[in-house]
N, C-alpha and C. Protein backbone atom coordinates (compact mmCIF):
# COMPACT_ATOMS: atom_id res chain seq x y z
N ARG A 1 84.78 84.94 124.95
CA ARG A 1 86.14 83.25 124.93
C ARG A 1 87.79 84.30 123.97
N ALA A 2 87.15 84.72 122.58
CA ALA A 2 87.97 84.87 121.70
C ALA A 2 88.79 86.79 121.84
N ARG A 3 88.28 87.62 122.85
CA ARG A 3 88.20 88.60 123.74
C ARG A 3 89.65 88.13 124.36
N ARG A 4 88.96 87.20 125.84
CA ARG A 4 89.94 86.49 126.44
C ARG A 4 91.37 86.26 125.76
N ASP A 5 91.62 84.93 125.31
CA ASP A 5 92.38 84.64 124.53
C ASP A 5 93.40 85.93 124.06
N ALA A 6 92.89 86.77 123.32
CA ALA A 6 93.21 88.17 122.70
C ALA A 6 94.43 88.38 123.77
N LEU A 7 93.77 88.59 125.15
CA LEU A 7 94.08 89.09 126.10
C LEU A 7 95.43 88.75 126.81
N ILE A 8 95.30 87.56 126.82
CA ILE A 8 96.59 86.72 127.59
C ILE A 8 97.14 86.34 126.76
N ALA A 9 97.17 85.98 125.42
CA ALA A 9 97.75 85.10 124.29
C ALA A 9 99.60 85.73 124.45
N PRO A 10 99.72 87.21 124.66
CA PRO A 10 100.57 86.93 124.41
C PRO A 10 102.13 86.60 125.39
N VAL A 11 101.47 86.37 126.79
CA VAL A 11 101.57 86.15 127.58
C VAL A 11 101.72 84.71 128.44
N ALA A 12 101.40 83.69 127.29
CA ALA A 12 100.89 82.51 127.54
C ALA A 12 102.02 81.98 128.10
N ARG A 13 103.56 82.10 127.98
CA ARG A 13 104.68 81.56 128.31
C ARG A 13 105.31 82.02 129.37
N LEU A 14 104.71 82.75 130.43
CA LEU A 14 105.11 83.16 131.55
C LEU A 14 104.60 82.37 132.60
N PRO A 15 105.06 82.90 133.74
CA PRO A 15 105.16 81.43 135.21
C PRO A 15 103.85 81.62 135.04
N GLN A 16 103.21 80.66 135.41
CA GLN A 16 101.78 80.33 135.96
C GLN A 16 101.22 80.94 136.85
N ARG A 17 101.60 81.22 137.70
CA ARG A 17 101.20 82.61 138.44
C ARG A 17 100.33 83.87 137.64
N ALA A 18 101.59 84.41 136.89
CA ALA A 18 101.28 85.69 136.12
C ALA A 18 100.26 85.00 134.96
N ARG A 19 100.49 83.68 134.49
CA ARG A 19 98.91 83.39 133.75
C ARG A 19 97.90 83.13 134.64
N ALA A 20 97.73 82.49 135.39
CA ALA A 20 96.47 83.08 136.12
C ALA A 20 95.84 83.96 136.26
N HIS A 21 96.72 85.18 136.64
CA HIS A 21 96.14 86.70 137.38
C HIS A 21 95.72 86.84 136.10
N ALA A 22 96.79 86.96 134.67
CA ALA A 22 95.80 87.51 133.28
C ALA A 22 94.97 86.95 133.24
N ALA A 23 94.63 85.98 133.08
CA ALA A 23 93.59 84.78 132.49
C ALA A 23 92.23 85.40 133.16
N GLY A 24 92.30 85.90 134.79
CA GLY A 24 91.01 86.22 135.33
C GLY A 24 91.09 87.85 134.99
N LEU A 25 91.76 88.06 134.49
CA LEU A 25 91.55 89.98 133.98
C LEU A 25 90.48 89.79 133.15
N HIS A 26 89.61 88.92 132.16
CA HIS A 26 88.99 89.81 131.02
C HIS A 26 87.38 89.96 131.88
N ASP A 27 87.18 88.57 132.51
CA ASP A 27 85.33 89.12 133.21
C ASP A 27 85.60 90.33 134.10
N ARG A 28 86.98 90.04 135.01
CA ARG A 28 86.82 91.70 136.07
C ARG A 28 86.34 92.99 135.17
N LEU A 29 87.27 92.84 133.91
CA LEU A 29 87.23 94.16 132.93
C LEU A 29 85.83 94.81 132.62
N ASP A 30 84.77 93.73 132.23
CA ASP A 30 83.64 93.65 131.96
C ASP A 30 82.75 93.89 132.86
N GLY A 31 82.80 93.27 134.55
CA GLY A 31 82.10 93.14 135.41
C GLY A 31 81.10 94.88 135.81
N GLY A 32 82.07 95.72 134.83
CA GLY A 32 81.57 96.86 135.46
C GLY A 32 80.50 97.38 134.74
N GLY A 33 80.27 97.44 133.41
CA GLY A 33 80.12 97.88 132.17
C GLY A 33 80.62 98.92 131.57
N ARG A 34 80.47 98.89 130.10
CA ARG A 34 81.22 99.55 129.42
C ARG A 34 81.80 100.91 130.18
N ASN A 35 80.71 101.60 130.27
CA ASN A 35 80.73 103.18 130.67
C ASN A 35 81.03 103.78 132.20
N SER A 36 81.06 102.36 133.04
CA SER A 36 81.87 102.16 134.47
C SER A 36 83.52 102.54 134.42
N PRO A 37 83.95 103.39 135.57
CA PRO A 37 85.61 103.57 135.37
C PRO A 37 85.69 101.50 135.63
N CYS A 38 87.03 101.67 135.33
CA CYS A 38 87.09 100.14 136.07
C CYS A 38 88.20 100.02 137.61
N PRO A 39 87.48 99.30 138.48
CA PRO A 39 88.24 99.53 139.48
C PRO A 39 89.82 99.90 139.39
N LEU A 40 90.29 99.93 140.31
CA LEU A 40 91.72 100.50 140.00
C LEU A 40 92.68 99.09 140.23
N PRO A 41 92.46 98.44 141.36
CA PRO A 41 92.80 96.98 142.08
C PRO A 41 92.78 96.22 140.73
N VAL A 42 91.80 96.15 139.32
CA VAL A 42 91.85 95.56 138.10
C VAL A 42 92.24 96.63 137.20
N ALA A 43 92.22 97.14 136.99
CA ALA A 43 92.68 97.93 136.08
C ALA A 43 94.27 98.16 136.17
N GLN A 44 95.07 98.50 137.06
CA GLN A 44 96.79 98.62 137.52
C GLN A 44 97.57 97.07 136.75
N PRO A 45 96.76 96.29 137.02
CA PRO A 45 97.58 94.47 136.61
C PRO A 45 97.27 94.69 135.38
N ALA A 46 95.78 94.60 134.53
CA ALA A 46 95.22 94.71 133.31
C ALA A 46 96.49 95.78 132.27
N ILE A 47 96.96 97.12 132.90
CA ILE A 47 97.36 97.35 131.82
C ILE A 47 98.91 96.98 132.21
N ALA A 48 99.56 96.61 133.20
CA ALA A 48 100.91 96.02 133.35
C ALA A 48 100.45 94.82 132.72
N THR A 49 99.36 93.82 132.24
CA THR A 49 99.87 92.65 131.55
C THR A 49 99.82 93.03 130.22
N ALA A 50 98.73 94.78 129.39
CA ALA A 50 99.42 95.49 127.96
C ALA A 50 100.61 95.32 128.00
N SER A 51 101.37 95.79 129.19
CA SER A 51 102.90 96.17 129.25
C SER A 51 103.69 94.33 128.61
N LEU A 52 103.32 93.64 129.11
CA LEU A 52 104.06 92.20 128.98
C LEU A 52 103.68 92.04 128.32
N SER A 53 102.39 92.30 127.25
CA SER A 53 102.45 91.87 125.87
C SER A 53 103.22 92.60 125.44
N GLY A 54 103.07 93.88 124.93
CA GLY A 54 104.18 94.67 124.59
C GLY A 54 105.66 94.43 124.69
N LEU A 55 106.04 93.72 125.84
CA LEU A 55 108.07 93.25 125.70
C LEU A 55 107.85 92.39 125.57
N ALA A 56 106.66 91.29 125.49
CA ALA A 56 106.70 89.61 124.85
C ALA A 56 106.45 90.07 123.18
N LEU A 57 106.67 90.67 122.55
CA LEU A 57 106.49 91.24 121.30
C LEU A 57 107.70 91.66 120.54
N LEU A 58 108.38 92.50 121.29
CA LEU A 58 110.07 92.88 121.33
C LEU A 58 110.85 91.86 121.47
N ARG A 59 110.77 90.75 122.18
CA ARG A 59 111.03 89.87 122.24
C ARG A 59 111.22 88.67 121.75
N ARG A 60 109.64 88.37 120.84
CA ARG A 60 109.77 87.97 119.33
C ARG A 60 110.38 88.68 118.27
N LEU A 61 110.35 89.32 118.39
CA LEU A 61 111.20 90.65 117.52
C LEU A 61 112.62 90.60 117.39
N GLY A 62 113.02 90.28 118.68
CA GLY A 62 114.47 90.19 119.24
C GLY A 62 114.95 91.23 118.83
N LEU A 63 114.48 91.95 119.82
CA LEU A 63 114.36 93.83 119.97
C LEU A 63 115.12 93.85 121.52
N GLN A 64 115.93 94.31 121.91
CA GLN A 64 116.74 94.47 123.34
C GLN A 64 117.22 95.88 123.35
N GLY A 65 117.17 96.42 124.53
CA GLY A 65 117.04 97.77 124.89
C GLY A 65 118.02 97.91 125.72
N ASP A 66 118.75 99.11 125.91
CA ASP A 66 120.14 99.35 126.31
C ASP A 66 119.42 100.17 128.00
N VAL A 67 118.53 100.66 127.72
CA VAL A 67 118.04 101.55 128.74
C VAL A 67 116.71 101.78 129.35
N ALA A 68 116.43 101.10 130.70
CA ALA A 68 114.80 101.34 131.03
C ALA A 68 114.00 102.60 131.80
N VAL A 69 112.86 102.40 131.35
CA VAL A 69 112.82 104.22 131.40
C VAL A 69 110.95 103.76 131.64
N GLY A 70 110.07 104.28 132.92
CA GLY A 70 108.97 104.45 132.44
C GLY A 70 108.09 105.64 133.46
N HIS A 71 107.43 105.65 133.34
CA HIS A 71 105.87 106.78 134.20
C HIS A 71 104.84 106.37 134.24
N SER A 72 104.90 106.79 135.84
CA SER A 72 103.95 105.94 136.88
C SER A 72 103.81 104.45 136.87
N LEU A 73 103.01 104.02 136.53
CA LEU A 73 102.70 102.65 136.24
C LEU A 73 103.47 102.05 135.35
N GLY A 74 104.22 102.86 134.63
CA GLY A 74 105.44 102.36 134.03
C GLY A 74 106.90 102.02 134.34
N GLU A 75 106.94 102.66 135.46
CA GLU A 75 108.10 102.82 136.17
C GLU A 75 108.17 101.17 136.18
N LEU A 76 107.16 100.68 136.97
CA LEU A 76 107.05 98.96 137.82
C LEU A 76 107.74 98.13 136.56
N ALA A 77 106.88 98.63 135.30
CA ALA A 77 107.24 97.59 134.24
C ALA A 77 108.59 98.16 133.73
N ALA A 78 108.76 98.89 133.72
CA ALA A 78 110.75 99.58 133.57
C ALA A 78 111.65 98.44 133.98
N LEU A 79 111.12 98.33 135.59
CA LEU A 79 112.00 97.56 136.73
C LEU A 79 111.53 95.92 136.46
N HIS A 80 110.69 95.81 135.94
CA HIS A 80 110.42 94.33 135.52
C HIS A 80 111.20 94.27 134.44
N TRP A 81 111.21 95.44 133.42
CA TRP A 81 111.92 94.96 131.48
C TRP A 81 113.52 94.55 132.12
N ALA A 82 113.92 95.57 132.74
CA ALA A 82 115.25 95.42 133.37
C ALA A 82 115.42 94.29 134.35
N GLY A 83 114.74 93.77 134.37
CA GLY A 83 115.29 92.47 135.53
C GLY A 83 115.11 92.57 136.89
N CYS A 84 114.39 93.23 137.59
CA CYS A 84 114.35 93.40 138.93
C CYS A 84 113.57 92.31 139.26
N PHE A 85 112.48 91.96 138.70
CA PHE A 85 111.53 91.24 139.38
C PHE A 85 110.36 90.70 138.11
N ASP A 86 110.42 89.22 138.56
CA ASP A 86 109.71 88.33 137.36
C ASP A 86 108.21 89.53 137.14
N ALA A 87 107.69 88.41 135.79
CA ALA A 87 106.03 89.08 135.61
C ALA A 87 104.85 88.93 136.47
N ALA A 88 105.27 87.79 137.29
CA ALA A 88 103.78 87.29 138.76
C ALA A 88 104.34 88.69 139.55
N GLU A 89 105.37 89.26 140.07
CA GLU A 89 105.94 90.34 140.60
C GLU A 89 105.19 91.66 140.70
N LEU A 90 105.18 91.46 139.19
CA LEU A 90 104.95 92.92 138.49
C LEU A 90 103.20 92.93 138.79
N LEU A 91 102.37 91.96 138.22
CA LEU A 91 101.09 91.78 138.57
C LEU A 91 101.02 92.16 139.44
N THR A 92 101.69 91.24 140.94
CA THR A 92 101.27 91.43 142.44
C THR A 92 100.82 92.96 142.80
N LEU A 93 102.54 93.72 142.27
CA LEU A 93 102.53 94.84 142.63
C LEU A 93 101.49 95.71 142.07
N ALA A 94 101.67 95.61 140.58
CA ALA A 94 100.42 96.44 140.06
C ALA A 94 98.89 96.57 140.90
N GLN A 95 99.16 95.13 140.89
CA GLN A 95 97.48 95.09 142.01
C GLN A 95 97.27 95.46 143.29
N ALA A 96 98.33 95.58 143.63
CA ALA A 96 98.62 96.01 145.78
C ALA A 96 98.83 97.89 145.09
N ARG A 97 99.56 98.16 143.73
CA ARG A 97 98.98 99.59 143.93
C ARG A 97 98.04 99.67 143.86
N GLY A 98 97.08 99.56 142.97
CA GLY A 98 96.13 99.74 143.01
C GLY A 98 94.82 99.75 144.08
N ARG A 99 95.11 99.08 144.97
CA ARG A 99 94.57 99.08 146.56
C ARG A 99 95.24 100.16 147.31
N ALA A 100 96.39 100.20 146.76
CA ALA A 100 96.41 101.30 148.01
C ALA A 100 96.29 102.71 147.57
N MET A 101 95.65 103.26 146.30
CA MET A 101 95.22 103.98 145.66
C MET A 101 94.12 104.33 146.24
N VAL A 102 93.29 103.37 145.99
CA VAL A 102 91.53 103.03 146.49
C VAL A 102 91.78 103.29 148.01
N ALA A 103 92.36 103.00 148.65
CA ALA A 103 92.22 103.03 149.99
C ALA A 103 92.42 104.27 150.45
N ASP A 104 93.34 105.50 149.68
CA ASP A 104 93.18 106.33 150.52
C ASP A 104 92.36 107.42 149.90
N PRO A 105 91.49 108.24 150.28
CA PRO A 105 90.67 108.83 150.27
C PRO A 105 91.30 110.29 149.71
N ASP A 106 92.31 110.27 149.39
CA ASP A 106 92.47 111.64 149.06
C ASP A 106 92.76 111.87 147.67
N THR A 107 92.91 110.58 147.13
CA THR A 107 93.27 110.78 145.73
C THR A 107 91.97 110.82 145.16
N CYS A 108 91.16 110.77 145.48
CA CYS A 108 89.72 110.70 144.58
C CYS A 108 89.51 112.14 143.76
N GLY A 109 88.72 112.13 142.75
CA GLY A 109 89.05 113.09 142.00
C GLY A 109 88.60 112.93 140.41
N ALA A 110 88.95 113.23 139.61
CA ALA A 110 88.59 113.19 137.87
C ALA A 110 89.72 113.89 137.08
N MET A 111 89.10 113.20 136.23
CA MET A 111 90.34 113.52 134.56
C MET A 111 89.55 114.33 133.19
N ALA A 112 89.88 114.90 132.60
CA ALA A 112 89.28 115.13 131.43
C ALA A 112 90.22 115.52 130.60
N ALA A 113 90.00 115.33 129.19
CA ALA A 113 91.61 115.54 127.74
C ALA A 113 90.77 116.51 127.48
N ILE A 114 91.84 117.59 126.60
CA ILE A 114 91.20 118.55 126.40
C ILE A 114 91.53 118.63 125.07
N ALA A 115 90.72 119.38 124.01
CA ALA A 115 91.56 119.35 122.61
C ALA A 115 92.55 120.92 122.72
N ALA A 116 93.58 120.89 123.16
CA ALA A 116 93.99 122.16 122.97
C ALA A 116 95.72 121.95 123.52
N ASP A 117 96.58 123.09 123.28
CA ASP A 117 97.97 122.60 123.48
C ASP A 117 98.23 123.08 124.88
N HIS A 118 99.54 122.66 125.81
CA HIS A 118 99.85 123.69 126.99
C HIS A 118 99.35 124.64 127.33
N GLU A 119 100.07 125.64 126.55
CA GLU A 119 99.73 126.96 126.69
C GLU A 119 97.86 127.42 126.79
N GLN A 120 97.08 127.16 125.89
CA GLN A 120 95.99 127.11 125.43
C GLN A 120 94.86 126.54 126.78
N THR A 121 95.83 125.53 127.51
CA THR A 121 94.93 124.54 128.48
C THR A 121 95.48 125.38 130.04
N MET A 122 96.37 125.79 130.15
CA MET A 122 96.89 126.54 131.03
C MET A 122 96.19 128.02 131.21
N ALA A 123 95.83 128.83 130.16
CA ALA A 123 95.01 129.55 129.89
C ALA A 123 93.10 130.02 130.64
N VAL A 124 93.21 128.79 129.99
CA VAL A 124 91.26 128.23 130.74
C VAL A 124 91.12 127.63 131.55
N ILE A 125 92.57 127.10 132.12
CA ILE A 125 92.53 127.13 133.55
C ILE A 125 92.60 128.09 134.52
N GLY A 126 93.39 128.99 134.06
CA GLY A 126 93.56 130.53 134.84
C GLY A 126 93.93 130.40 136.45
N ASP A 127 93.18 130.58 137.34
CA ASP A 127 93.46 130.70 138.73
C ASP A 127 93.07 129.98 139.19
N GLU A 128 92.35 128.82 139.13
CA GLU A 128 91.68 128.05 139.65
C GLU A 128 92.63 127.26 140.04
N HIS A 129 92.84 126.66 141.10
CA HIS A 129 93.45 125.83 142.64
C HIS A 129 93.37 124.67 142.58
N ASN A 130 92.37 124.00 142.02
CA ASN A 130 92.48 122.71 141.73
C ASN A 130 91.81 122.50 140.57
N LEU A 131 92.93 122.55 139.75
CA LEU A 131 93.25 121.76 138.85
C LEU A 131 95.01 122.12 138.60
N TRP A 132 95.18 121.05 137.82
CA TRP A 132 95.84 120.92 137.31
C TRP A 132 96.98 119.97 136.23
N ILE A 133 97.73 120.08 135.28
CA ILE A 133 98.27 119.55 133.61
C ILE A 133 98.95 117.99 133.98
N ALA A 134 97.94 117.61 133.41
CA ALA A 134 98.63 115.87 134.17
C ALA A 134 99.39 115.14 133.01
N ASN A 135 98.80 115.90 131.96
CA ASN A 135 99.68 114.80 130.94
C ASN A 135 99.58 115.62 129.56
N LEU A 136 100.59 115.71 128.67
CA LEU A 136 101.11 116.68 127.48
C LEU A 136 100.85 114.82 126.42
N ASN A 137 99.69 114.63 126.27
CA ASN A 137 99.76 113.40 125.51
C ASN A 137 100.16 113.57 123.84
N ALA A 138 99.99 114.88 123.49
CA ALA A 138 99.98 115.29 122.21
C ALA A 138 99.77 116.89 122.28
N PRO A 139 100.17 116.95 120.67
CA PRO A 139 100.62 118.77 120.54
C PRO A 139 99.01 119.65 120.87
N ARG A 140 97.91 119.00 120.38
CA ARG A 140 96.52 119.67 120.37
C ARG A 140 95.72 119.07 121.24
N GLN A 141 96.40 117.84 122.59
CA GLN A 141 95.86 116.81 123.40
C GLN A 141 96.11 117.27 124.65
N THR A 142 95.63 117.86 126.10
CA THR A 142 96.42 118.25 127.29
C THR A 142 95.53 117.61 128.32
N VAL A 143 95.84 116.64 129.07
CA VAL A 143 94.96 116.15 130.19
C VAL A 143 95.11 116.79 131.72
N VAL A 144 94.03 117.14 131.84
CA VAL A 144 94.07 117.93 133.13
C VAL A 144 93.16 116.84 134.29
N SER A 145 93.72 117.46 135.78
CA SER A 145 93.15 116.23 136.54
C SER A 145 93.23 117.16 137.71
N GLY A 146 92.46 117.19 139.15
CA GLY A 146 92.24 117.87 139.89
C GLY A 146 90.88 116.97 140.43
N ASP A 147 90.24 118.42 141.50
CA ASP A 147 88.56 118.13 142.23
C ASP A 147 87.79 117.68 140.72
N ARG A 148 87.26 116.91 141.60
CA ARG A 148 86.49 116.23 140.24
C ARG A 148 84.91 117.70 139.95
N GLN A 149 84.37 118.25 140.93
CA GLN A 149 83.66 119.48 140.72
C GLN A 149 84.59 120.55 139.93
N ALA A 150 85.93 120.41 139.96
CA ALA A 150 86.46 121.55 138.44
C ALA A 150 86.43 121.56 137.91
N VAL A 151 86.71 120.03 138.13
CA VAL A 151 87.17 118.88 136.72
C VAL A 151 85.78 119.35 135.52
N GLU A 152 84.79 118.64 136.11
CA GLU A 152 83.39 118.82 135.20
C GLU A 152 82.97 119.96 135.28
N THR A 153 83.26 121.36 135.87
CA THR A 153 82.86 122.58 135.87
C THR A 153 83.50 122.91 134.49
N LEU A 154 84.95 123.17 134.19
CA LEU A 154 86.15 123.38 132.90
C LEU A 154 84.96 122.27 132.09
N VAL A 155 85.12 121.20 131.84
CA VAL A 155 84.42 120.92 130.81
C VAL A 155 83.26 121.06 130.23
N GLU A 156 82.29 121.07 131.08
CA GLU A 156 81.25 122.00 130.63
C GLU A 156 81.30 123.47 129.58
N ARG A 157 82.60 123.91 130.72
CA ARG A 157 82.31 125.28 130.21
C ARG A 157 82.66 125.17 128.59
N LEU A 158 83.88 124.75 128.37
CA LEU A 158 84.86 124.86 127.22
C LEU A 158 83.80 124.02 126.31
N ARG A 159 82.85 122.83 126.62
CA ARG A 159 82.19 122.39 125.71
C ARG A 159 80.95 123.28 125.09
N ARG A 160 80.06 124.78 126.45
CA ARG A 160 79.85 125.89 125.53
C ARG A 160 80.33 126.42 124.93
N GLN A 161 81.90 126.57 124.61
CA GLN A 161 82.95 127.44 124.38
C GLN A 161 82.81 126.88 122.52
N GLY A 162 82.64 125.86 122.54
CA GLY A 162 82.55 124.81 121.93
C GLY A 162 84.02 124.13 121.34
N MET A 163 84.91 123.85 122.04
CA MET A 163 86.16 123.06 122.62
C MET A 163 85.34 121.91 122.99
N GLU A 164 86.38 121.03 122.54
CA GLU A 164 86.14 119.53 123.04
C GLU A 164 86.79 119.09 123.77
N ALA A 165 86.11 118.86 124.60
CA ALA A 165 86.52 117.92 126.18
C ALA A 165 86.01 116.88 126.51
N THR A 166 86.65 115.90 127.32
CA THR A 166 86.18 114.61 127.29
C THR A 166 86.22 113.93 128.76
N LEU A 167 85.61 114.01 129.06
CA LEU A 167 86.00 113.35 130.59
C LEU A 167 85.81 111.93 130.73
N LEU A 168 87.22 111.63 131.58
CA LEU A 168 88.05 110.23 131.14
C LEU A 168 87.43 109.69 132.90
N ARG A 169 87.06 108.21 132.29
CA ARG A 169 86.45 107.33 133.44
C ARG A 169 87.88 107.04 134.02
N VAL A 170 87.68 108.47 135.12
CA VAL A 170 88.75 107.18 136.50
C VAL A 170 87.84 108.13 137.62
N ARG A 171 88.57 107.56 138.81
CA ARG A 171 87.67 108.57 140.07
C ARG A 171 89.20 109.12 141.08
N GLN A 172 90.15 108.65 140.49
CA GLN A 172 91.39 109.63 141.24
C GLN A 172 91.85 110.30 140.29
N ALA A 173 92.56 111.88 140.83
CA ALA A 173 92.82 112.38 140.63
C ALA A 173 94.97 112.43 139.90
N PHE A 174 94.51 111.64 139.06
CA PHE A 174 96.11 111.28 138.58
C PHE A 174 97.02 112.61 138.75
N HIS A 175 98.46 111.91 139.10
CA HIS A 175 99.42 113.50 138.68
C HIS A 175 99.08 114.71 139.15
N THR A 176 98.31 114.62 140.20
CA THR A 176 97.82 115.35 141.36
C THR A 176 98.68 115.53 142.35
N PRO A 177 99.02 116.54 143.49
CA PRO A 177 99.34 116.66 144.92
C PRO A 177 98.41 115.65 145.13
N ALA A 178 97.49 115.26 144.87
CA ALA A 178 95.94 114.04 145.20
C ALA A 178 96.73 112.57 145.76
N MET A 179 97.88 112.93 144.88
CA MET A 179 98.55 110.93 145.24
C MET A 179 100.31 111.08 145.56
N ALA A 180 100.24 112.41 146.27
CA ALA A 180 101.25 112.27 146.63
C ALA A 180 101.52 111.73 148.47
N GLY A 181 100.34 111.13 148.95
CA GLY A 181 100.64 110.87 150.19
C GLY A 181 100.99 109.65 150.73
N GLY A 182 102.37 109.16 149.54
CA GLY A 182 103.68 108.18 150.06
C GLY A 182 102.55 106.87 150.24
N PHE A 183 101.50 106.08 149.59
CA PHE A 183 100.61 105.84 149.76
C PHE A 183 101.16 104.67 148.81
N TYR A 184 101.21 103.91 147.78
CA TYR A 184 101.80 103.57 146.84
C TYR A 184 101.81 101.96 146.97
N LEU A 185 103.28 101.97 147.72
CA LEU A 185 103.63 100.16 147.89
C LEU A 185 103.82 100.84 149.36
N ARG A 186 104.37 101.86 150.03
CA ARG A 186 104.88 101.55 151.31
C ARG A 186 104.08 100.93 151.89
N GLY A 187 104.04 99.80 152.71
CA GLY A 187 103.98 98.80 154.10
C GLY A 187 102.85 98.26 153.23
N SER A 188 102.84 98.40 152.21
CA SER A 188 101.60 97.31 151.33
C SER A 188 101.87 96.24 151.22
N HIS A 189 103.34 95.56 150.43
CA HIS A 189 103.77 94.46 149.93
C HIS A 189 105.20 94.49 150.52
N SER A 190 105.68 93.39 150.03
CA SER A 190 106.69 93.08 149.96
C SER A 190 107.28 92.95 149.59
N LEU A 191 108.99 93.83 149.43
CA LEU A 191 109.36 93.93 148.14
C LEU A 191 110.55 93.18 148.01
N ASP A 192 111.14 92.51 147.00
CA ASP A 192 112.16 91.93 146.95
C ASP A 192 112.84 92.04 146.10
N TRP A 193 113.42 93.14 145.40
CA TRP A 193 113.85 93.49 144.17
C TRP A 193 115.52 92.57 143.85
N GLY A 194 115.53 92.19 142.34
CA GLY A 194 117.00 91.79 142.53
C GLY A 194 117.70 92.66 141.41
N MET A 195 117.73 94.14 142.35
CA MET A 195 118.39 95.20 141.33
C MET A 195 119.99 94.62 141.04
N GLN A 196 120.53 93.86 141.35
CA GLN A 196 121.63 93.03 140.79
C GLN A 196 122.13 92.08 139.91
N ASN A 197 120.28 92.04 139.71
CA ASN A 197 120.70 91.02 138.22
C ASN A 197 120.05 91.48 137.35
N ARG A 198 119.47 92.70 137.15
CA ARG A 198 119.05 93.69 136.32
C ARG A 198 120.10 93.63 134.90
N LEU A 199 119.26 93.90 134.18
CA LEU A 199 119.67 93.81 132.81
C LEU A 199 120.20 94.95 131.91
N ALA A 200 119.81 96.02 132.42
CA ALA A 200 119.28 97.50 131.85
C ALA A 200 120.00 98.56 132.65
N ARG A 201 120.33 99.56 132.19
CA ARG A 201 120.35 100.40 133.13
C ARG A 201 118.90 101.33 133.63
N ILE A 202 118.19 101.95 135.10
CA ILE A 202 117.26 102.22 134.93
C ILE A 202 117.23 103.47 135.22
N PHE A 203 116.62 104.62 134.35
CA PHE A 203 116.54 106.28 135.15
C PHE A 203 115.06 106.56 135.48
N ARG A 204 115.16 106.97 136.91
CA ARG A 204 113.79 107.72 137.59
C ARG A 204 113.50 109.01 136.64
N PRO A 205 112.27 108.93 136.18
CA PRO A 205 111.55 110.29 135.38
C PRO A 205 111.09 111.29 135.87
N ASP A 206 112.04 111.35 136.95
CA ASP A 206 110.95 112.75 138.05
C ASP A 206 112.70 113.69 137.74
N SER A 207 113.91 113.01 137.70
CA SER A 207 115.26 113.45 137.62
C SER A 207 116.29 113.18 136.17
N GLY A 208 115.53 112.00 135.75
CA GLY A 208 116.63 111.57 134.68
C GLY A 208 117.62 110.90 135.19
N ARG A 209 118.06 110.67 136.71
CA ARG A 209 119.11 110.31 137.11
C ARG A 209 118.70 108.80 137.02
N THR A 210 120.56 108.00 136.85
CA THR A 210 120.10 106.98 136.66
C THR A 210 119.93 106.49 138.78
N VAL A 211 119.28 104.85 138.65
CA VAL A 211 118.88 104.51 140.04
C VAL A 211 119.98 103.39 140.34
N MET A 212 120.09 103.84 141.60
CA MET A 212 121.33 103.22 142.02
C MET A 212 120.61 101.76 142.42
N LEU A 213 121.72 100.86 143.07
CA LEU A 213 120.78 99.56 143.65
C LEU A 213 120.54 99.62 145.00
N ALA A 214 120.83 101.03 145.48
CA ALA A 214 119.39 101.52 147.13
C ALA A 214 118.61 102.26 146.30
N ILE A 215 117.43 101.98 146.06
CA ILE A 215 116.16 102.16 145.95
C ILE A 215 115.73 102.84 146.84
N ASP A 216 115.22 103.95 146.61
CA ASP A 216 114.29 104.04 146.90
C ASP A 216 112.53 103.57 147.38
N HIS A 217 111.91 102.47 147.84
CA HIS A 217 111.46 101.74 147.17
C HIS A 217 109.85 102.60 147.93
N GLY A 218 109.56 103.44 148.45
CA GLY A 218 108.73 104.49 148.78
C GLY A 218 108.14 104.84 147.95
N TYR A 219 109.12 105.48 146.60
CA TYR A 219 109.15 106.55 145.88
C TYR A 219 107.82 105.70 144.68
N PHE A 220 107.87 104.29 144.18
CA PHE A 220 107.13 103.76 143.78
C PHE A 220 106.05 103.44 144.02
């Protein structure tokens, strides 16, 4: 009960539909067991709920930004924060995004966190064509993503060499060409974004350019 309340407390003042969505996440998150990957239709809105919690805290502190920018699922959170749609719509879009990912078999794969910088990680990947650099989390932590067998083989090899490598609890090869099938939200959800009512400028993370009113919905 305490964990459930901690999850939904920061969004207690959201519209009823958003509160109901957030309140139902706790049991669904625990359902698969601590060592099992969380299903994306659950994980995506759960992450979005965490974003809503952070935004609620910023509002309580009286902080307001001038620019909205996000990465991956964070792009939807940025659009919400900029006033393009409400919290309930953010959670609905996040769930639709997760369902679309699961429905596309080409997204299957794995990810691993490597205790090495970008150059070192590129060196250990070598000529392997089924592995990509997915995230530069810190100066000494790089995330690789790609074919599951290739990722697991890399992790085992690095561990034998004394390097720290951790297989992440995901089933998809995030941030690789496997995710580029145009499946995200295209045709899976009716989008009605109030771009004219946005409260801040929005930037595309791929180019750094300002998002105009005629936004490409399929991009997200």
